[in-house]
Protein backbone atom coordinates (compact mmCIF):
# COMPACT_ATOMS: atom_id res chain seq x y z
CA MET A 1 -93.58 -4.71 65.28
CA LYS A 2 -93.31 -1.78 67.94
CA SER A 3 -95.50 0.89 68.71
CA LYS A 4 -95.02 4.42 67.78
CA ARG A 5 -94.61 6.69 70.66
CA ARG A 6 -96.43 10.14 71.39
CA ILE A 7 -94.27 12.52 71.99
CA ILE A 8 -95.93 15.26 73.87
CA ILE A 9 -93.69 18.76 73.63
CA LYS A 10 -94.73 20.90 76.89
CA PRO A 11 -95.52 24.65 76.17
CA THR A 12 -92.38 26.95 77.28
CA PHE A 13 -92.98 29.71 79.46
CA LYS A 14 -91.47 32.82 79.52
CA ILE A 15 -91.54 36.36 81.29
CA SER A 16 -93.47 37.18 77.96
CA ASN A 17 -96.08 35.39 79.01
CA ILE A 18 -96.05 36.94 82.62
CA ILE A 19 -96.21 40.80 80.83
CA ASP A 20 -99.54 39.31 78.71
CA LYS A 21 -101.04 38.37 82.09
CA LEU A 22 -99.95 41.46 83.37
CA LEU A 23 -101.27 43.31 80.65
CA LYS A 24 -104.93 41.96 81.66
CA GLU A 25 -104.35 42.33 85.68
CA SER A 26 -102.32 42.65 88.57
CA ILE A 27 -100.93 40.14 90.30
CA ASN A 28 -100.05 39.19 93.72
CA TYR A 29 -96.91 39.65 94.89
CA ASP A 30 -96.34 36.03 95.57
CA GLU A 31 -98.29 34.96 92.31
CA LEU A 32 -95.58 36.62 90.46
CA LEU A 33 -92.81 34.58 92.33
CA ASN A 34 -94.25 31.84 91.28
CA LEU A 35 -94.96 32.34 87.76
CA LEU A 36 -90.89 33.41 87.91
CA GLU A 37 -89.46 30.27 89.34
CA LYS A 38 -91.80 28.75 86.11
CA ALA A 39 -89.96 30.83 83.85
CA ASN A 40 -87.00 29.19 81.56
CA ASP A 41 -85.83 32.08 80.38
CA THR A 42 -84.98 34.21 83.86
CA PHE A 43 -81.47 35.48 84.28
CA PHE A 44 -81.67 34.20 88.52
CA ASP A 45 -82.87 30.77 89.78
CA ASN A 46 -84.31 33.50 92.96
CA PRO A 47 -87.26 34.52 91.68
CA GLU A 48 -87.04 37.67 94.12
CA LEU A 49 -83.45 38.45 92.08
CA GLU A 50 -84.99 38.01 89.23
CA LEU A 51 -88.12 40.33 89.96
CA GLU A 52 -85.50 43.12 91.01
CA LEU A 53 -83.52 42.31 87.86
CA LEU A 54 -86.80 43.00 85.63
CA LEU A 55 -87.03 46.68 87.82
CA SER A 56 -83.43 47.72 87.17
CA ASN A 57 -84.07 46.51 83.14
CA GLY A 58 -86.84 48.42 82.91
CA LEU A 59 -90.14 47.01 82.49
CA PRO A 60 -92.74 49.71 84.66
CA ILE A 61 -93.98 47.64 87.30
CA GLU A 62 -95.49 49.11 90.70
CA PHE A 63 -96.93 47.79 93.95
CA ASP A 64 -100.89 48.75 95.13
CA ASN A 65 -101.92 48.71 98.63
CA ASN A 66 -102.77 44.80 98.29
CA ASN A 67 -99.55 43.85 97.79
CA ASN A 68 -99.92 43.09 94.15
CA ILE A 69 -97.81 44.38 91.44
CA TYR A 70 -99.85 46.11 88.20
CA LEU A 71 -98.17 47.19 84.71
CA LYS A 72 -97.46 51.60 85.67
CA THR A 73 -98.55 52.24 81.93
CA LYS A 74 -101.66 49.79 81.76
CA LYS A 75 -103.38 53.44 84.40
CA ALA A 76 -100.49 56.20 83.44
CA SER A 77 -102.31 58.74 81.01
CA ILE A 78 -100.42 59.96 77.89
CA GLU A 79 -100.29 63.41 79.53
CA GLU A 80 -99.14 61.54 82.86
CA GLN A 81 -96.48 58.98 80.67
CA CYS A 82 -92.75 59.97 80.31
CA PHE A 83 -91.64 58.55 76.99
CA CYS A 84 -87.78 58.49 76.49
CA ILE A 85 -87.66 59.12 72.53
CA VAL A 86 -84.79 57.27 71.02
CA ASP A 87 -82.43 57.50 67.77
CA ILE A 88 -79.14 55.71 67.44
CA GLU A 89 -76.43 55.78 64.74
CA THR A 90 -74.31 52.78 64.07
CA ASN A 91 -71.11 51.79 61.86
CA GLY A 92 -72.85 48.62 60.86
CA SER A 93 -76.55 46.13 61.49
CA SER A 94 -74.86 43.44 62.91
CA ILE A 95 -73.29 43.52 67.04
CA LYS A 96 -72.63 39.76 66.21
CA LYS A 97 -70.68 40.70 63.15
CA GLY A 98 -68.51 43.31 65.76
CA HIS A 99 -70.92 46.14 65.13
CA GLN A 100 -71.75 49.18 67.00
CA ILE A 101 -73.56 51.90 68.33
CA ILE A 102 -71.29 55.16 67.13
CA GLU A 103 -73.40 57.33 68.95
CA ILE A 104 -77.21 57.48 70.91
CA GLY A 105 -79.25 60.84 70.90
CA ALA A 106 -82.29 60.43 73.22
CA VAL A 107 -85.24 63.44 74.68
CA LYS A 108 -87.49 62.48 77.04
CA TYR A 109 -90.93 63.93 76.57
CA LYS A 110 -93.98 64.60 78.96
CA ASN A 111 -97.37 66.29 77.70
CA GLY A 112 -96.35 67.37 74.97
CA GLU A 113 -92.53 69.12 76.19
CA ILE A 114 -88.78 68.05 76.39
CA ILE A 115 -88.05 67.42 79.58
CA ASP A 116 -84.16 66.16 79.17
CA LYS A 117 -81.85 65.30 76.73
CA PHE A 118 -78.79 62.76 76.20
CA GLU A 119 -76.44 62.99 73.47
CA SER A 120 -72.48 61.33 73.30
CA LEU A 121 -70.70 59.77 70.47
CA VAL A 122 -69.49 56.70 71.21
CA TYR A 123 -65.25 55.44 70.46
CA ALA A 124 -65.24 53.10 67.49
CA LYS A 125 -62.20 52.12 66.05
CA GLU A 126 -63.59 52.23 62.01
CA ILE A 127 -66.64 53.51 60.54
CA PRO A 128 -67.57 52.21 56.85
CA SER A 129 -67.09 55.70 53.78
CA TYR A 130 -70.69 54.98 53.23
CA ILE A 131 -71.55 55.67 56.32
CA GLN A 132 -70.04 58.54 57.23
CA GLU A 133 -70.95 60.10 54.19
CA VAL A 134 -74.94 59.15 55.60
CA THR A 135 -74.18 60.45 59.60
CA ASN A 136 -71.14 62.82 58.42
CA ILE A 137 -69.74 60.84 61.51
CA LYS A 138 -66.30 60.77 61.16
CA PRO A 139 -63.62 58.87 63.05
CA LEU A 140 -61.49 61.44 64.22
CA MET A 141 -65.06 63.07 66.32
CA LEU A 142 -64.38 59.37 67.99
CA GLU A 143 -61.02 59.28 68.99
CA ASP A 144 -61.85 61.00 72.69
CA ALA A 145 -65.30 59.71 72.62
CA PRO A 146 -66.13 57.66 75.80
CA ILE A 147 -66.06 53.52 75.39
CA LEU A 148 -69.66 52.23 74.42
CA GLU A 149 -70.23 50.26 78.20
CA SER A 150 -69.18 53.76 79.30
CA VAL A 151 -71.96 55.43 77.54
CA LEU A 152 -74.79 52.37 77.72
CA LYS A 153 -74.47 52.43 81.44
CA GLU A 154 -75.26 56.05 81.81
CA PHE A 155 -78.10 55.67 78.87
CA LYS A 156 -79.97 52.68 80.69
CA LEU A 157 -79.93 55.40 83.76
CA PHE A 158 -81.44 58.39 81.75
CA LEU A 159 -84.17 55.71 80.22
CA GLU A 160 -85.20 54.17 83.35
CA ASP A 161 -88.88 52.49 82.96
CA ASP A 162 -89.87 54.75 80.82
CA VAL A 163 -91.68 54.40 77.16
CA PHE A 164 -88.98 53.21 75.07
CA ILE A 165 -90.37 55.08 71.65
CA ALA A 166 -87.92 54.96 68.54
CA HIS A 167 -88.62 55.58 64.60
CA ASP A 168 -88.56 51.71 63.63
CA ILE A 169 -88.44 50.26 66.79
CA LYS A 170 -86.83 47.27 66.16
CA PHE A 171 -83.47 47.80 64.85
CA ASP A 172 -83.20 51.20 67.87
CA TYR A 173 -84.35 48.68 70.44
CA ASN A 174 -82.99 45.42 69.68
CA TYR A 175 -79.71 47.15 69.17
CA ILE A 176 -79.61 48.42 72.22
CA SER A 177 -80.56 45.98 74.23
CA ASP A 178 -78.65 43.60 72.37
CA SER A 179 -75.35 45.54 73.38
CA LEU A 180 -76.22 45.97 77.07
CA GLU A 181 -76.24 42.05 76.71
CA LYS A 182 -72.89 42.10 75.28
CA TYR A 183 -71.27 44.29 78.51
CA ASP A 184 -74.05 41.87 80.95
CA LEU A 185 -75.34 45.29 81.52
CA GLY A 186 -79.14 43.77 81.30
CA LYS A 187 -81.30 44.37 78.76
CA LEU A 188 -84.55 46.21 78.61
CA GLU A 189 -87.71 45.32 78.97
CA ASN A 190 -89.53 48.69 78.95
CA ARG A 191 -92.58 49.38 77.43
CA LYS A 192 -92.07 50.27 73.89
CA LEU A 193 -94.07 52.15 70.95
CA CYS A 194 -93.45 52.37 67.41
CA SER A 195 -93.18 56.10 66.39
CA ILE A 196 -93.10 54.71 62.29
CA ASP A 197 -96.15 52.70 62.97
CA LEU A 198 -98.84 55.02 64.46
CA ALA A 199 -97.99 57.45 62.01
CA LYS A 200 -99.44 55.03 59.93
CA ARG A 201 -102.18 54.84 61.92
CA THR A 202 -103.09 58.50 62.57
CA ILE A 203 -101.12 60.83 59.71
CA ASP A 204 -102.11 60.62 55.87
CA SER A 205 -98.50 60.40 54.26
CA PRO A 206 -97.69 58.47 50.59
CA ARG A 207 -93.84 57.68 52.80
CA TYR A 208 -93.21 57.26 56.36
CA GLY A 209 -89.64 57.76 56.39
CA LEU A 210 -88.40 60.35 58.68
CA GLY A 211 -86.69 62.51 56.57
CA PHE A 212 -90.25 62.48 54.15
CA LEU A 213 -92.36 63.14 57.36
CA LYS A 214 -90.32 66.13 58.22
CA GLU A 215 -90.63 67.41 54.98
CA GLU A 216 -94.41 66.52 55.09
CA LEU A 217 -94.82 67.75 58.24
CA ASN A 218 -92.19 70.90 58.25
CA ILE A 219 -90.69 69.73 61.58
CA LYS A 220 -87.79 72.77 61.16
CA VAL A 221 -84.84 70.39 62.84
CA ASP A 222 -81.63 70.07 60.34
CA ASN A 223 -78.64 67.01 60.47
CA HIS A 224 -80.34 64.15 59.55
CA HIS A 225 -78.84 61.20 60.20
CA ARG A 226 -77.62 62.19 63.49
CA ALA A 227 -79.04 60.44 66.53
CA TYR A 228 -79.97 63.40 68.74
CA TYR A 229 -81.44 65.13 66.22
CA ASP A 230 -83.29 62.38 64.29
CA ALA A 231 -84.47 61.57 68.32
CA LEU A 232 -86.19 65.38 68.28
CA ALA A 233 -87.26 64.84 65.09
CA THR A 234 -89.08 61.43 66.01
CA ALA A 235 -90.35 63.69 68.49
CA HIS A 236 -92.66 65.90 66.31
CA VAL A 237 -93.65 63.21 64.72
CA PHE A 238 -94.81 61.67 67.98
CA THR A 239 -96.76 65.38 68.78
CA GLU A 240 -98.32 65.38 65.47
CA SER A 241 -99.53 61.71 65.82
CA LEU A 242 -101.62 62.46 69.61
CA LYS A 243 -103.08 65.46 68.68
CA VAL A 244 -105.73 63.35 66.49
CA ILE A 245 -105.98 60.54 69.02
CA ASP A 246 -109.10 59.67 70.40
CA LYS A 247 -108.49 60.31 73.68
CA ASN A 248 -112.36 58.46 74.56
CA LYS A 249 -111.39 55.54 72.95
CA ILE A 250 -107.50 55.95 73.69
CA SER A 251 -107.19 56.78 77.78
CA ASN A 252 -104.18 55.07 79.04
CA VAL A 253 -100.43 54.42 77.71
CA GLU A 254 -101.22 50.61 76.88
CA GLU A 255 -103.96 51.61 74.64
CA LEU A 256 -102.04 53.93 72.60
CA ILE A 257 -99.49 50.95 72.19
CA SER A 258 -102.13 48.70 71.38
CA PHE A 259 -103.50 51.24 68.96
CA SER A 260 -100.35 51.36 67.34
CA LYS A 261 -99.60 47.77 66.60
CA SER A 262 -103.71 47.71 65.26
CA SER A 263 -104.55 46.76 61.89
CA LYS A 264 -106.43 49.82 60.98
CA THR A 265 -103.76 51.99 59.35
CA ILE A 266 -104.73 55.26 57.05
CA ALA A 267 -103.43 53.25 54.27
CA SER A 268 -106.40 50.43 54.67
CA ILE A 269 -108.72 52.58 55.59
CA LYS A 270 -108.64 54.36 52.64
CA GLU A 271 -108.46 51.41 50.44
CA LYS A 272 -111.46 49.68 51.84
CA LYS A 273 -113.12 53.25 50.86
CA GLU A 274 -112.25 52.76 47.45
CA LYS A 275 -112.99 48.90 46.76
CA GLU A 276 -116.31 50.37 48.42
CA LYS A 277 -116.77 52.66 46.19
CA GLU A 278 -116.09 51.03 42.80
CA LYS A 279 -118.78 48.27 44.44
CA GLU A 280 -121.32 51.13 44.34
CA VAL A 281 -120.14 52.02 40.61
CA LYS A 282 -120.25 48.49 39.62
């Protein structure tokens, strides 16, 4: 009878593990290069080139006086940080099926003010009729628009290493990152924050869609479902969220990102209080 061999699956080590480590502490430059050599999802075999790529892809890292590397968002206050609030319109949900971005809009937000903006339509051959109805973007409007590769290059330069904010971060962030990869323009490594998640923890509302919050918060921005105007409206939502943040508990950007992912939403707190009241009545 053959003896059973025990198969040991070795854990994979990825760049995300290095970022997790940076979230806890700074890392010496030489140690970081060693960690990049161990990572199995790098683009380059050379760790120094990989580090340059991470920087060009928006990872906000910096050297201190002791040659240690740290995340700038761990030290930056919310007032000091520049946030890039982004929205896109697309002609479909799947890049793999040939869909693409047809409009990108973004605003740079710092210390309560809009300091810069980015806005561009993108050439596309087709726009489904239902998307034309929602966005009011017609094929004729895109005939002379720049091609996607060109717009992505410009947008990446605009974004720099700012914190990326979107109202449904998974869609906008991943769609742009995947589009960059498609054209061999790198990908996104920026720190990111979902304005829906933050709103759920700071704004008492029955719904958190952008259109509903605009009405709920009396945000006077027209042209719903156009990228720049939705990014601008999201900036207003973000401002409302920041108004109620406890600055004694949340002093830097990483703490804000962590708070936006915490389990204590306003809805869950209200539900807990209602259950406690029911117990008292019984």
